[in-house]
PDB file of N, CA and C in Angstrom:
ATOM      1  N   UNK A   1     -16.197  -2.861 -12.705  1.00  0.00           N
ATOM      2  CA  UNK A   1     -15.828  -1.664 -11.981  1.00  0.00           C
ATOM      3  C   UNK A   1     -16.067  -1.812 -10.474  1.00  0.00           C
ATOM      4  N   UNK A   2     -16.835  -2.777 -10.055  1.00  0.00           N
ATOM      5  CA  UNK A   2     -17.120  -2.987  -8.633  1.00  0.00           C
ATOM      6  C   UNK A   2     -15.837  -3.175  -7.818  1.00  0.00           C
ATOM      7  N   UNK A   3     -14.874  -3.937  -8.330  1.00  0.00           N
ATOM      8  CA  UNK A   3     -13.637  -4.156  -7.588  1.00  0.00           C
ATOM      9  C   UNK A   3     -12.875  -2.855  -7.409  1.00  0.00           C
ATOM     10  N   UNK A   4     -12.888  -2.002  -8.425  1.00  0.00           N
ATOM     11  CA  UNK A   4     -12.175  -0.736  -8.353  1.00  0.00           C
ATOM     12  C   UNK A   4     -12.698   0.103  -7.195  1.00  0.00           C
ATOM     13  N   UNK A   5     -14.016   0.265  -7.111  1.00  0.00           N
ATOM     14  CA  UNK A   5     -14.543   1.125  -6.069  1.00  0.00           C
ATOM     15  C   UNK A   5     -14.311   0.541  -4.677  1.00  0.00           C
ATOM     16  N   UNK A   6     -14.216  -0.755  -4.547  1.00  0.00           N
ATOM     17  CA  UNK A   6     -13.921  -1.350  -3.250  1.00  0.00           C
ATOM     18  C   UNK A   6     -12.527  -0.986  -2.768  1.00  0.00           C
ATOM     19  N   UNK A   7     -11.580  -0.864  -3.670  1.00  0.00           N
ATOM     20  CA  UNK A   7     -10.213  -0.507  -3.260  1.00  0.00           C
ATOM     21  C   UNK A   7     -10.165   0.904  -2.684  1.00  0.00           C
ATOM     22  N   UNK A   8     -10.814   1.836  -3.298  1.00  0.00           N
ATOM     23  CA  UNK A   8     -10.793   3.204  -2.775  1.00  0.00           C
ATOM     24  C   UNK A   8     -11.434   3.233  -1.397  1.00  0.00           C
ATOM     25  N   UNK A   9     -12.585   2.631  -1.268  1.00  0.00           N
ATOM     26  CA  UNK A   9     -13.282   2.610   0.031  1.00  0.00           C
ATOM     27  C   UNK A   9     -12.425   1.888   1.075  1.00  0.00           C
ATOM     28  N   UNK A  10     -11.885   0.725   0.684  1.00  0.00           N
ATOM     29  CA  UNK A  10     -11.065  -0.068   1.606  1.00  0.00           C
ATOM     30  C   UNK A  10      -9.867   0.741   2.102  1.00  0.00           C
ATOM     31  N   UNK A  11      -9.144   1.363   1.191  1.00  0.00           N
ATOM     32  CA  UNK A  11      -7.963   2.133   1.572  1.00  0.00           C
ATOM     33  C   UNK A  11      -8.343   3.354   2.411  1.00  0.00           C
ATOM     34  N   UNK A  12      -9.419   4.016   2.041  1.00  0.00           N
ATOM     35  CA  UNK A  12      -9.880   5.187   2.784  1.00  0.00           C
ATOM     36  C   UNK A  12     -10.242   4.798   4.211  1.00  0.00           C
ATOM     37  N   UNK A  13     -10.963   3.688   4.357  1.00  0.00           N
ATOM     38  CA  UNK A  13     -11.370   3.243   5.685  1.00  0.00           C
ATOM     39  C   UNK A  13     -10.184   2.773   6.522  1.00  0.00           C
ATOM     40  N   UNK A  14      -9.199   2.136   5.875  1.00  0.00           N
ATOM     41  CA  UNK A  14      -7.983   1.733   6.607  1.00  0.00           C
ATOM     42  C   UNK A  14      -7.269   2.935   7.206  1.00  0.00           C
ATOM     43  N   UNK A  15      -7.313   4.054   6.501  1.00  0.00           N
ATOM     44  CA  UNK A  15      -6.651   5.278   6.960  1.00  0.00           C
ATOM     45  C   UNK A  15      -7.552   6.105   7.873  1.00  0.00           C
ATOM     46  N   UNK A  16      -8.779   5.606   8.117  1.00  0.00           N
ATOM     47  CA  UNK A  16      -9.752   6.314   8.954  1.00  0.00           C
ATOM     48  C   UNK A  16     -10.027   7.714   8.406  1.00  0.00           C
ATOM     49  N   UNK A  17     -10.196   7.772   7.080  1.00  0.00           N
ATOM     50  CA  UNK A  17     -10.490   9.023   6.399  1.00  0.00           C
ATOM     51  C   UNK A  17     -11.949   8.990   5.951  1.00  0.00           C
ATOM     52  N   UNK A  18     -12.687  10.032   6.263  1.00  0.00           N
ATOM     53  CA  UNK A  18     -14.071  10.117   5.820  1.00  0.00           C
ATOM     54  C   UNK A  18     -14.119  10.550   4.351  1.00  0.00           C
ATOM     55  N   UNK A  19     -15.258  10.331   3.726  1.00  0.00           N
ATOM     56  CA  UNK A  19     -15.430  10.805   2.353  1.00  0.00           C
ATOM     57  C   UNK A  19     -15.294  12.323   2.292  1.00  0.00           C
ATOM     58  N   UNK A  20     -15.796  13.000   3.297  1.00  0.00           N
ATOM     59  CA  UNK A  20     -15.724  14.465   3.324  1.00  0.00           C
ATOM     60  C   UNK A  20     -14.271  14.925   3.390  1.00  0.00           C
ATOM     61  N   UNK A  21     -13.497  14.315   4.279  1.00  0.00           N
ATOM     62  CA  UNK A  21     -12.080  14.702   4.394  1.00  0.00           C
ATOM     63  C   UNK A  21     -11.327  14.414   3.101  1.00  0.00           C
ATOM     64  N   UNK A  22     -11.559  13.224   2.508  1.00  0.00           N
ATOM     65  CA  UNK A  22     -10.885  12.881   1.258  1.00  0.00           C
ATOM     66  C   UNK A  22     -11.280  13.849   0.155  1.00  0.00           C
ATOM     67  N   UNK A  23     -12.551  14.213   0.106  1.00  0.00           N
ATOM     68  CA  UNK A  23     -13.002  15.156  -0.923  1.00  0.00           C
ATOM     69  C   UNK A  23     -12.317  16.510  -0.759  1.00  0.00           C
ATOM     70  N   UNK A  24     -12.142  16.934   0.484  1.00  0.00           N
ATOM     71  CA  UNK A  24     -11.455  18.204   0.750  1.00  0.00           C
ATOM     72  C   UNK A  24     -10.002  18.141   0.297  1.00  0.00           C
ATOM     73  N   UNK A  25      -9.321  17.042   0.633  1.00  0.00           N
ATOM     74  CA  UNK A  25      -7.919  16.896   0.254  1.00  0.00           C
ATOM     75  C   UNK A  25      -7.740  16.813  -1.263  1.00  0.00           C
ATOM     76  N   UNK A  26      -8.725  16.224  -1.944  1.00  0.00           N
ATOM     77  CA  UNK A  26      -8.644  16.095  -3.403  1.00  0.00           C
ATOM     78  C   UNK A  26      -9.179  17.319  -4.136  1.00  0.00           C
ATOM     79  N   UNK A  27      -9.929  18.155  -3.428  1.00  0.00           N
ATOM     80  CA  UNK A  27     -10.520  19.323  -4.058  1.00  0.00           C
ATOM     81  C   UNK A  27     -11.713  18.975  -4.939  1.00  0.00           C
ATOM     82  N   UNK A  28     -12.466  17.950  -4.522  1.00  0.00           N
ATOM     83  CA  UNK A  28     -13.673  17.548  -5.240  1.00  0.00           C
ATOM     84  C   UNK A  28     -14.822  17.479  -4.245  1.00  0.00           C
ATOM     85  N   UNK A  29     -16.031  17.329  -4.751  1.00  0.00           N
ATOM     86  CA  UNK A  29     -17.203  17.214  -3.884  1.00  0.00           C
ATOM     87  C   UNK A  29     -17.257  15.831  -3.239  1.00  0.00           C
ATOM     88  N   UNK A  30     -17.874  15.749  -2.072  1.00  0.00           N
ATOM     89  CA  UNK A  30     -18.054  14.465  -1.385  1.00  0.00           C
ATOM     90  C   UNK A  30     -18.825  13.502  -2.274  1.00  0.00           C
ATOM     91  N   UNK A  31     -19.754  14.016  -3.047  1.00  0.00           N
ATOM     92  CA  UNK A  31     -20.530  13.182  -3.963  1.00  0.00           C
ATOM     93  C   UNK A  31     -19.634  12.519  -5.003  1.00  0.00           C
ATOM     94  N   UNK A  32     -18.560  13.189  -5.377  1.00  0.00           N
ATOM     95  CA  UNK A  32     -17.607  12.630  -6.340  1.00  0.00           C
ATOM     96  C   UNK A  32     -16.897  11.418  -5.736  1.00  0.00           C
ATOM     97  N   UNK A  33     -16.508  11.513  -4.465  1.00  0.00           N
ATOM     98  CA  UNK A  33     -15.872  10.373  -3.790  1.00  0.00           C
ATOM     99  C   UNK A  33     -16.846   9.205  -3.747  1.00  0.00           C
ATOM    100  N   UNK A  34     -18.090   9.501  -3.410  1.00  0.00           N
ATOM    101  CA  UNK A  34     -19.111   8.458  -3.384  1.00  0.00           C
ATOM    102  C   UNK A  34     -19.258   7.809  -4.759  1.00  0.00           C
ATOM    103  N   UNK A  35     -19.219   8.619  -5.801  1.00  0.00           N
ATOM    104  CA  UNK A  35     -19.338   8.097  -7.172  1.00  0.00           C
ATOM    105  C   UNK A  35     -18.140   7.219  -7.522  1.00  0.00           C
ATOM    106  N   UNK A  36     -16.933   7.609  -7.082  1.00  0.00           N
ATOM    107  CA  UNK A  36     -15.753   6.761  -7.307  1.00  0.00           C
ATOM    108  C   UNK A  36     -15.952   5.411  -6.620  1.00  0.00           C
ATOM    109  N   UNK A  37     -16.384   5.458  -5.367  1.00  0.00           N
ATOM    110  CA  UNK A  37     -16.527   4.234  -4.586  1.00  0.00           C
ATOM    111  C   UNK A  37     -17.651   3.333  -5.098  1.00  0.00           C
ATOM    112  N   UNK A  38     -18.652   3.921  -5.709  1.00  0.00           N
ATOM    113  CA  UNK A  38     -19.759   3.143  -6.260  1.00  0.00           C
ATOM    114  C   UNK A  38     -19.518   2.749  -7.716  1.00  0.00           C
ATOM    115  N   UNK A  39     -18.405   3.202  -8.276  1.00  0.00           N
ATOM    116  CA  UNK A  39     -18.076   2.838  -9.644  1.00  0.00           C
ATOM    117  C   UNK A  39     -18.832   3.609 -10.705  1.00  0.00           C
ATOM    118  N   UNK A  40     -19.447   4.721 -10.322  1.00  0.00           N
ATOM    119  CA  UNK A  40     -20.179   5.527 -11.298  1.00  0.00           C
ATOM    120  C   UNK A  40     -19.259   6.452 -12.070  1.00  0.00           C
ATOM    121  N   UNK A  41     -18.110   6.800 -11.484  1.00  0.00           N
ATOM    122  CA  UNK A  41     -17.123   7.659 -12.141  1.00  0.00           C
ATOM    123  C   UNK A  41     -15.722   7.149 -11.814  1.00  0.00           C
ATOM    124  N   UNK A  42     -14.795   7.411 -12.710  1.00  0.00           N
ATOM    125  CA  UNK A  42     -13.387   7.099 -12.474  1.00  0.00           C
ATOM    126  C   UNK A  42     -12.625   8.400 -12.270  1.00  0.00           C
ATOM    127  N   UNK A  43     -11.635   8.403 -11.387  1.00  0.00           N
ATOM    128  CA  UNK A  43     -10.861   9.629 -11.177  1.00  0.00           C
ATOM    129  C   UNK A  43      -9.979   9.945 -12.381  1.00  0.00           C
ATOM    130  N   UNK A  44      -9.718  11.228 -12.567  1.00  0.00           N
ATOM    131  CA  UNK A  44      -8.767  11.643 -13.601  1.00  0.00           C
ATOM    132  C   UNK A  44      -7.370  11.198 -13.185  1.00  0.00           C
ATOM    133  N   UNK A  45      -6.432  11.282 -14.086  1.00  0.00           N
ATOM    134  CA  UNK A  45      -5.054  10.898 -13.762  1.00  0.00           C
ATOM    135  C   UNK A  45      -4.515  11.773 -12.640  1.00  0.00           C
ATOM    136  N   UNK A  46      -4.777  13.063 -12.704  1.00  0.00           N
ATOM    137  CA  UNK A  46      -4.310  13.978 -11.655  1.00  0.00           C
ATOM    138  C   UNK A  46      -4.896  13.595 -10.302  1.00  0.00           C
ATOM    139  N   UNK A  47      -6.180  13.290 -10.289  1.00  0.00           N
ATOM    140  CA  UNK A  47      -6.831  12.879  -9.042  1.00  0.00           C
ATOM    141  C   UNK A  47      -6.307  11.533  -8.574  1.00  0.00           C
ATOM    142  N   UNK A  48      -6.041  10.641  -9.502  1.00  0.00           N
ATOM    143  CA  UNK A  48      -5.508   9.327  -9.150  1.00  0.00           C
ATOM    144  C   UNK A  48      -4.125   9.454  -8.508  1.00  0.00           C
ATOM    145  N   UNK A  49      -3.312  10.356  -8.998  1.00  0.00           N
ATOM    146  CA  UNK A  49      -1.997  10.602  -8.392  1.00  0.00           C
ATOM    147  C   UNK A  49      -2.173  11.098  -6.958  1.00  0.00           C
ATOM    148  N   UNK A  50      -3.100  12.033  -6.770  1.00  0.00           N
ATOM    149  CA  UNK A  50      -3.364  12.540  -5.420  1.00  0.00           C
ATOM    150  C   UNK A  50      -3.889  11.431  -4.513  1.00  0.00           C
ATOM    151  N   UNK A  51      -4.812  10.610  -5.041  1.00  0.00           N
ATOM    152  CA  UNK A  51      -5.338   9.479  -4.259  1.00  0.00           C
ATOM    153  C   UNK A  51      -4.209   8.550  -3.826  1.00  0.00           C
ATOM    154  N   UNK A  52      -3.299   8.285  -4.741  1.00  0.00           N
ATOM    155  CA  UNK A  52      -2.171   7.408  -4.459  1.00  0.00           C
ATOM    156  C   UNK A  52      -1.355   7.939  -3.284  1.00  0.00           C
ATOM    157  N   UNK A  53      -1.089   9.226  -3.296  1.00  0.00           N
ATOM    158  CA  UNK A  53      -0.311   9.839  -2.213  1.00  0.00           C
ATOM    159  C   UNK A  53      -1.080   9.856  -0.897  1.00  0.00           C
ATOM    160  N   UNK A  54      -2.343  10.189  -0.940  1.00  0.00           N
ATOM    161  CA  UNK A  54      -3.153  10.277   0.279  1.00  0.00           C
ATOM    162  C   UNK A  54      -3.383   8.904   0.888  1.00  0.00           C
ATOM    163  N   UNK A  55      -3.715   7.922   0.038  1.00  0.00           N
ATOM    164  CA  UNK A  55      -4.068   6.596   0.538  1.00  0.00           C
ATOM    165  C   UNK A  55      -2.864   5.685   0.724  1.00  0.00           C
ATOM    166  N   UNK A  56      -1.694   6.114   0.276  1.00  0.00           N
ATOM    167  CA  UNK A  56      -0.482   5.329   0.475  1.00  0.00           C
ATOM    168  C   UNK A  56      -0.456   4.043  -0.327  1.00  0.00           C
ATOM    169  N   UNK A  57      -0.975   4.084  -1.537  1.00  0.00           N
ATOM    170  CA  UNK A  57      -0.993   2.900  -2.395  1.00  0.00           C
ATOM    171  C   UNK A  57      -0.687   3.327  -3.828  1.00  0.00           C
ATOM    172  N   UNK A  58      -0.120   2.406  -4.588  1.00  0.00           N
ATOM    173  CA  UNK A  58       0.202   2.726  -5.979  1.00  0.00           C
ATOM    174  C   UNK A  58      -1.073   2.913  -6.790  1.00  0.00           C
ATOM    175  N   UNK A  59      -0.952   3.671  -7.850  1.00  0.00           N
ATOM    176  CA  UNK A  59      -2.101   3.870  -8.736  1.00  0.00           C
ATOM    177  C   UNK A  59      -2.549   2.540  -9.331  1.00  0.00           C
ATOM    178  N   UNK A  60      -1.595   1.673  -9.655  1.00  0.00           N
ATOM    179  CA  UNK A  60      -1.936   0.345 -10.187  1.00  0.00           C
ATOM    180  C   UNK A  60      -2.766  -0.449  -9.194  1.00  0.00           C
ATOM    181  N   UNK A  61      -2.421  -0.363  -7.930  1.00  0.00           N
ATOM    182  CA  UNK A  61      -3.173  -1.083  -6.902  1.00  0.00           C
ATOM    183  C   UNK A  61      -4.592  -0.525  -6.804  1.00  0.00           C
ATOM    184  N   UNK A  62      -4.703   0.791  -6.759  1.00  0.00           N
ATOM    185  CA  UNK A  62      -6.014   1.422  -6.669  1.00  0.00           C
ATOM    186  C   UNK A  62      -6.889   1.034  -7.857  1.00  0.00           C
ATOM    187  N   UNK A  63      -6.293   0.982  -9.048  1.00  0.00           N
ATOM    188  CA  UNK A  63      -7.038   0.690 -10.270  1.00  0.00           C
ATOM    189  C   UNK A  63      -7.176  -0.807 -10.536  1.00  0.00           C
ATOM    190  N   UNK A  64      -6.776  -1.644  -9.567  1.00  0.00           N
ATOM    191  CA  UNK A  64      -6.904  -3.103  -9.680  1.00  0.00           C
ATOM    192  C   UNK A  64      -6.033  -3.686 -10.801  1.00  0.00           C
ATOM    193  N   UNK A  65      -4.954  -3.012 -11.137  1.00  0.00           N
ATOM    194  CA  UNK A  65      -4.045  -3.513 -12.152  1.00  0.00           C
ATOM    195  C   UNK A  65      -2.909  -4.323 -11.542  1.00  0.00           C
ATOM    196  N   UNK A  66      -2.833  -4.296 -10.218  1.00  0.00           N
ATOM    197  CA  UNK A  66      -1.765  -4.998  -9.518  1.00  0.00           C
ATOM    198  C   UNK A  66      -2.234  -5.338  -8.111  1.00  0.00           C
ATOM    199  N   UNK A  67      -1.679  -6.410  -7.564  1.00  0.00           N
ATOM    200  CA  UNK A  67      -1.933  -6.746  -6.168  1.00  0.00           C
ATOM    201  C   UNK A  67      -0.838  -6.199  -5.263  1.00  0.00           C
ATOM    202  N   UNK A  68       0.132  -5.528  -5.859  1.00  0.00           N
ATOM    203  CA  UNK A  68       1.220  -4.925  -5.098  1.00  0.00           C
ATOM    204  C   UNK A  68       0.797  -3.523  -4.702  1.00  0.00           C
ATOM    205  N   UNK A  69       0.691  -3.316  -3.409  1.00  0.00           N
ATOM    206  CA  UNK A  69       0.187  -2.046  -2.906  1.00  0.00           C
ATOM    207  C   UNK A  69       1.141  -0.891  -3.165  1.00  0.00           C
ATOM    208  N   UNK A  70       2.410  -1.104  -2.914  1.00  0.00           N
ATOM    209  CA  UNK A  70       3.414  -0.047  -3.084  1.00  0.00           C
ATOM    210  C   UNK A  70       4.622  -0.606  -3.799  1.00  0.00           C
ATOM    211  N   UNK A  71       5.102   0.141  -4.751  1.00  0.00           N
ATOM    212  CA  UNK A  71       6.344  -0.219  -5.419  1.00  0.00           C
ATOM    213  C   UNK A  71       7.495   0.446  -4.681  1.00  0.00           C
ATOM    214  N   UNK A  72       8.601  -0.246  -4.607  1.00  0.00           N
ATOM    215  CA  UNK A  72       9.774   0.302  -3.934  1.00  0.00           C
ATOM    216  C   UNK A  72      10.650   0.974  -4.968  1.00  0.00           C
ATOM    217  N   UNK A  73      10.985   2.201  -4.701  1.00  0.00           N
ATOM    218  CA  UNK A  73      11.892   2.937  -5.572  1.00  0.00           C
ATOM    219  C   UNK A  73      13.306   2.441  -5.278  1.00  0.00           C
ATOM    220  N   UNK A  74      13.952   1.838  -6.269  1.00  0.00           N
ATOM    221  CA  UNK A  74      15.268   1.245  -6.042  1.00  0.00           C
ATOM    222  C   UNK A  74      16.302   2.281  -5.609  1.00  0.00           C
ATOM    223  N   UNK A  75      16.073   3.544  -5.919  1.00  0.00           N
ATOM    224  CA  UNK A  75      17.011   4.587  -5.504  1.00  0.00           C
ATOM    225  C   UNK A  75      16.979   4.802  -3.996  1.00  0.00           C
ATOM    226  N   UNK A  76      15.890   4.378  -3.348  1.00  0.00           N
ATOM    227  CA  UNK A  76      15.772   4.571  -1.903  1.00  0.00           C
ATOM    228  C   UNK A  76      16.400   3.424  -1.114  1.00  0.00           C
ATOM    229  N   UNK A  77      16.867   2.365  -1.802  1.00  0.00           N
ATOM    230  CA  UNK A  77      17.448   1.211  -1.123  1.00  0.00           C
ATOM    231  C   UNK A  77      18.926   1.434  -0.835  1.00  0.00           C
ATOM    232  N   UNK A  78      19.361   0.978   0.348  1.00  0.00           N
ATOM    233  CA  UNK A  78      20.790   1.050   0.634  1.00  0.00           C
ATOM    234  C   UNK A  78      21.467  -0.223   0.110  1.00  0.00           C
ATOM    235  N   UNK A  79      22.776  -0.297   0.204  1.00  0.00           N
ATOM    236  CA  UNK A  79      23.532  -1.431  -0.355  1.00  0.00           C
ATOM    237  C   UNK A  79      23.132  -2.773   0.254  1.00  0.00           C
ATOM    238  N   UNK A  80      22.903  -2.809   1.573  1.00  0.00           N
ATOM    239  CA  UNK A  80      22.505  -4.067   2.212  1.00  0.00           C
ATOM    240  C   UNK A  80      21.136  -4.540   1.722  1.00  0.00           C
ATOM    241  N   UNK A  81      20.224  -3.601   1.514  1.00  0.00           N
ATOM    242  CA  UNK A  81      18.899  -3.972   1.017  1.00  0.00           C
ATOM    243  C   UNK A  81      18.977  -4.509  -0.413  1.00  0.00           C
ATOM    244  N   UNK A  82      19.808  -3.907  -1.217  1.00  0.00           N
ATOM    245  CA  UNK A  82      20.010  -4.387  -2.591  1.00  0.00           C
ATOM    246  C   UNK A  82      20.634  -5.775  -2.583  1.00  0.00           C
ATOM    247  N   UNK A  83      21.639  -5.975  -1.721  1.00  0.00           N
ATOM    248  CA  UNK A  83      22.268  -7.296  -1.605  1.00  0.00           C
ATOM    249  C   UNK A  83      21.254  -8.346  -1.181  1.00  0.00           C
ATOM    250  N   UNK A  84      20.421  -8.007  -0.202  1.00  0.00           N
ATOM    251  CA  UNK A  84      19.403  -8.927   0.285  1.00  0.00           C
ATOM    252  C   UNK A  84      18.445  -9.338  -0.839  1.00  0.00           C
ATOM    253  N   UNK A  85      18.001  -8.390  -1.606  1.00  0.00           N
ATOM    254  CA  UNK A  85      17.092  -8.676  -2.723  1.00  0.00           C
ATOM    255  C   UNK A  85      17.780  -9.560  -3.756  1.00  0.00           C
ATOM    256  N   UNK A  86      19.020  -9.251  -4.077  1.00  0.00           N
ATOM    257  CA  UNK A  86      19.740 -10.049  -5.069  1.00  0.00           C
ATOM    258  C   UNK A  86      19.940 -11.491  -4.607  1.00  0.00           C
ATOM    259  N   UNK A  87      20.291 -11.684  -3.342  1.00  0.00           N
ATOM    260  CA  UNK A  87      20.424 -13.044  -2.817  1.00  0.00           C
ATOM    261  C   UNK A  87      19.069 -13.754  -2.815  1.00  0.00           C
ATOM    262  N   UNK A  88      18.045 -13.047  -2.405  1.00  0.00           N
ATOM    263  CA  UNK A  88      16.710 -13.641  -2.333  1.00  0.00           C
ATOM    264  C   UNK A  88      16.251 -14.125  -3.712  1.00  0.00           C
ATOM    265  N   UNK A  89      16.528 -13.346  -4.741  1.00  0.00           N
ATOM    266  CA  UNK A  89      16.105 -13.708  -6.102  1.00  0.00           C
ATOM    267  C   UNK A  89      16.765 -14.999  -6.580  1.00  0.00           C
ATOM    268  N   UNK A  90      17.923 -15.327  -6.032  1.00  0.00           N
ATOM    269  CA  UNK A  90      18.648 -16.535  -6.444  1.00  0.00           C
ATOM    270  C   UNK A  90      18.098 -17.801  -5.792  1.00  0.00           C
ATOM    271  N   UNK A  91      17.293 -17.667  -4.751  1.00  0.00           N
ATOM    272  CA  UNK A  91      16.799 -18.820  -3.998  1.00  0.00           C
ATOM    273  C   UNK A  91      15.651 -19.521  -4.724  1.00  0.00           C
ATOM    274  N   UNK A  92      15.512 -20.825  -4.456  1.00  0.00           N
ATOM    275  CA  UNK A  92      14.338 -21.527  -4.968  1.00  0.00           C
ATOM    276  C   UNK A  92      13.149 -21.208  -4.062  1.00  0.00           C
ATOM    277  N   UNK A  93      11.972 -21.654  -4.440  1.00  0.00           N
ATOM    278  CA  UNK A  93      10.752 -21.303  -3.709  1.00  0.00           C
ATOM    279  C   UNK A  93      10.820 -21.737  -2.250  1.00  0.00           C
ATOM    280  N   UNK A  94      11.288 -22.951  -1.995  1.00  0.00           N
ATOM    281  CA  UNK A  94      11.369 -23.461  -0.635  1.00  0.00           C
ATOM    282  C   UNK A  94      12.296 -22.597   0.218  1.00  0.00           C
ATOM    283  N   UNK A  95      13.433 -22.250  -0.328  1.00  0.00           N
ATOM    284  CA  UNK A  95      14.383 -21.426   0.417  1.00  0.00           C
ATOM    285  C   UNK A  95      13.853 -20.005   0.621  1.00  0.00           C
ATOM    286  N   UNK A  96      13.104 -19.496  -0.352  1.00  0.00           N
ATOM    287  CA  UNK A  96      12.507 -18.168  -0.195  1.00  0.00           C
ATOM    288  C   UNK A  96      11.521 -18.171   0.968  1.00  0.00           C
ATOM    289  N   UNK A  97      10.727 -19.226   1.085  1.00  0.00           N
ATOM    290  CA  UNK A  97       9.775 -19.333   2.193  1.00  0.00           C
ATOM    291  C   UNK A  97      10.507 -19.383   3.530  1.00  0.00           C
ATOM    292  N   UNK A  98      11.597 -20.141   3.582  1.00  0.00           N
ATOM    293  CA  UNK A  98      12.389 -20.219   4.818  1.00  0.00           C
ATOM    294  C   UNK A  98      12.987 -18.861   5.156  1.00  0.00           C
ATOM    295  N   UNK A  99      13.518 -18.177   4.147  1.00  0.00           N
ATOM    296  CA  UNK A  99      14.119 -16.862   4.376  1.00  0.00           C
ATOM    297  C   UNK A  99      13.074 -15.873   4.892  1.00  0.00           C
ATOM    298  N   UNK A 100      11.892 -15.888   4.280  1.00  0.00           N
ATOM    299  CA  UNK A 100      10.823 -14.991   4.723  1.00  0.00           C
ATOM    300  C   UNK A 100      10.403 -15.308   6.163  1.00  0.00           C
ATOM    301  N   UNK A 101      10.290 -16.586   6.477  1.00  0.00           N
ATOM    302  CA  UNK A 101       9.929 -16.980   7.844  1.00  0.00           C
ATOM    303  C   UNK A 101      10.980 -16.510   8.840  1.00  0.00           C
ATOM    304  N   UNK A 102      12.232 -16.659   8.474  1.00  0.00           N
ATOM    305  CA  UNK A 102      13.326 -16.233   9.350  1.00  0.00           C
ATOM    306  C   UNK A 102      13.271 -14.717   9.569  1.00  0.00           C
ATOM    307  N   UNK A 103      13.094 -13.976   8.504  1.00  0.00           N
ATOM    308  CA  UNK A 103      13.048 -12.512   8.606  1.00  0.00           C
ATOM    309  C   UNK A 103      11.833 -12.081   9.419  1.00  0.00           C
ATOM    310  N   UNK A 104      10.687 -12.729   9.197  1.00  0.00           N
ATOM    311  CA  UNK A 104       9.493 -12.407   9.978  1.00  0.00           C
ATOM    312  C   UNK A 104       9.733 -12.693  11.460  1.00  0.00           C
ATOM    313  N   UNK A 105      10.415 -13.805  11.768  1.00  0.00           N
ATOM    314  CA  UNK A 105      10.743 -14.134  13.154  1.00  0.00           C
ATOM    315  C   UNK A 105      11.647 -13.081  13.776  1.00  0.00           C
ATOM    316  N   UNK A 106      12.641 -12.653  13.026  1.00  0.00           N
ATOM    317  CA  UNK A 106      13.526 -11.592  13.526  1.00  0.00           C
ATOM    318  C   UNK A 106      12.735 -10.314  13.790  1.00  0.00           C
ATOM    319  N   UNK A 107      11.880  -9.966  12.864  1.00  0.00           N
ATOM    320  CA  UNK A 107      11.077  -8.749  12.996  1.00  0.00           C
ATOM    321  C   UNK A 107      10.129  -8.846  14.186  1.00  0.00           C
ATOM    322  N   UNK A 108       9.475  -9.991  14.352  1.00  0.00           N
ATOM    323  CA  UNK A 108       8.581 -10.193  15.493  1.00  0.00           C
ATOM    324  C   UNK A 108       9.351 -10.104  16.804  1.00  0.00           C
ATOM    325  N   UNK A 109      10.565 -10.656  16.821  1.00  0.00           N
ATOM    326  CA  UNK A 109      11.400 -10.595  18.018  1.00  0.00           C
ATOM    327  C   UNK A 109      11.774  -9.174  18.381  1.00  0.00           C
ATOM    328  N   UNK A 110      12.084  -8.384  17.382  1.00  0.00           N
ATOM    329  CA  UNK A 110      12.437  -6.982  17.622  1.00  0.00           C
ATOM    330  C   UNK A 110      11.229  -6.229  18.165  1.00  0.00           C
ATOM    331  N   UNK A 111      10.066  -6.477  17.562  1.00  0.00           N
ATOM    332  CA  UNK A 111       8.845  -5.808  18.019  1.00  0.00           C
ATOM    333  C   UNK A 111       8.516  -6.212  19.453  1.00  0.00           C
ATOM    334  N   UNK A 112       8.709  -7.481  19.768  1.00  0.00           N
ATOM    335  CA  UNK A 112       8.443  -7.980  21.120  1.00  0.00           C
ATOM    336  C   UNK A 112       9.396  -7.339  22.119  1.00  0.00           C
ATOM    337  N   UNK A 113      10.667  -7.221  21.744  1.00  0.00           N
ATOM    338  CA  UNK A 113      11.654  -6.587  22.623  1.00  0.00           C
ATOM    339  C   UNK A 113      11.281  -5.119  22.889  1.00  0.00           C
ATOM    340  N   UNK A 114      10.823  -4.426  21.861  1.00  0.00           N
ATOM    341  CA  UNK A 114      10.439  -3.015  22.015  1.00  0.00           C
ATOM    342  C   UNK A 114       9.244  -2.872  22.959  1.00  0.00           C
ATOM    343  N   UNK A 115       8.258  -3.772  22.802  1.00  0.00           N
ATOM    344  CA  UNK A 115       7.099  -3.723  23.682  1.00  0.00           C
ATOM    345  C   UNK A 115       7.524  -3.968  25.131  1.00  0.00           C
ATOM    346  N   UNK A 116       8.441  -4.898  25.340  1.00  0.00           N
ATOM    347  CA  UNK A 116       8.913  -5.197  26.691  1.00  0.00           C
ATOM    348  C   UNK A 116       9.643  -4.001  27.287  1.00  0.00           C
ATOM    349  N   UNK A 117      10.397  -3.284  26.467  1.00  0.00           N
ATOM    350  CA  UNK A 117      11.148  -2.124  26.948  1.00  0.00           C
ATOM    351  C   UNK A 117      10.204  -0.962  27.290  1.00  0.00           C
ATOM    352  N   UNK A 118       9.087  -0.874  26.570  1.00  0.00           N
ATOM    353  CA  UNK A 118       8.131   0.207  26.801  1.00  0.00           C
ATOM    354  C   UNK A 118       7.354   0.046  28.095  1.00  0.00           C
ATOM    355  N   UNK A 119       7.334  -1.160  28.644  1.00  0.00           N
ATOM    356  CA  UNK A 119       6.558  -1.411  29.872  1.00  0.00           C
ATOM    357  C   UNK A 119       7.266  -0.932  31.092  1.00  0.00           C
TER     358      UNK A 119
END
């Protein structure tokens, strides 16, 4: 259970949320949040759903059932995104690494251009 409580604390701290604030948003006592983080108690399903929404991570990720933080709802993807995923799935491992590097380079370039424009 130690790994489970680390995820809640880790996600809460990433969002700069205090135990008190999280307890207020969940409608539980601050001591309950502490118990979750220390592995003394597990959240109910209803609370886990709320935690997922507040912390921006899937319930599976919070519960250490997956290393994938967020699942993508396929209904939210546009046609180009679906095409990109389908092409990517056809690639071998080496080509997938190259594609990811290329996309990361494009993304870094866009971010760099935006920073330059903001100055």
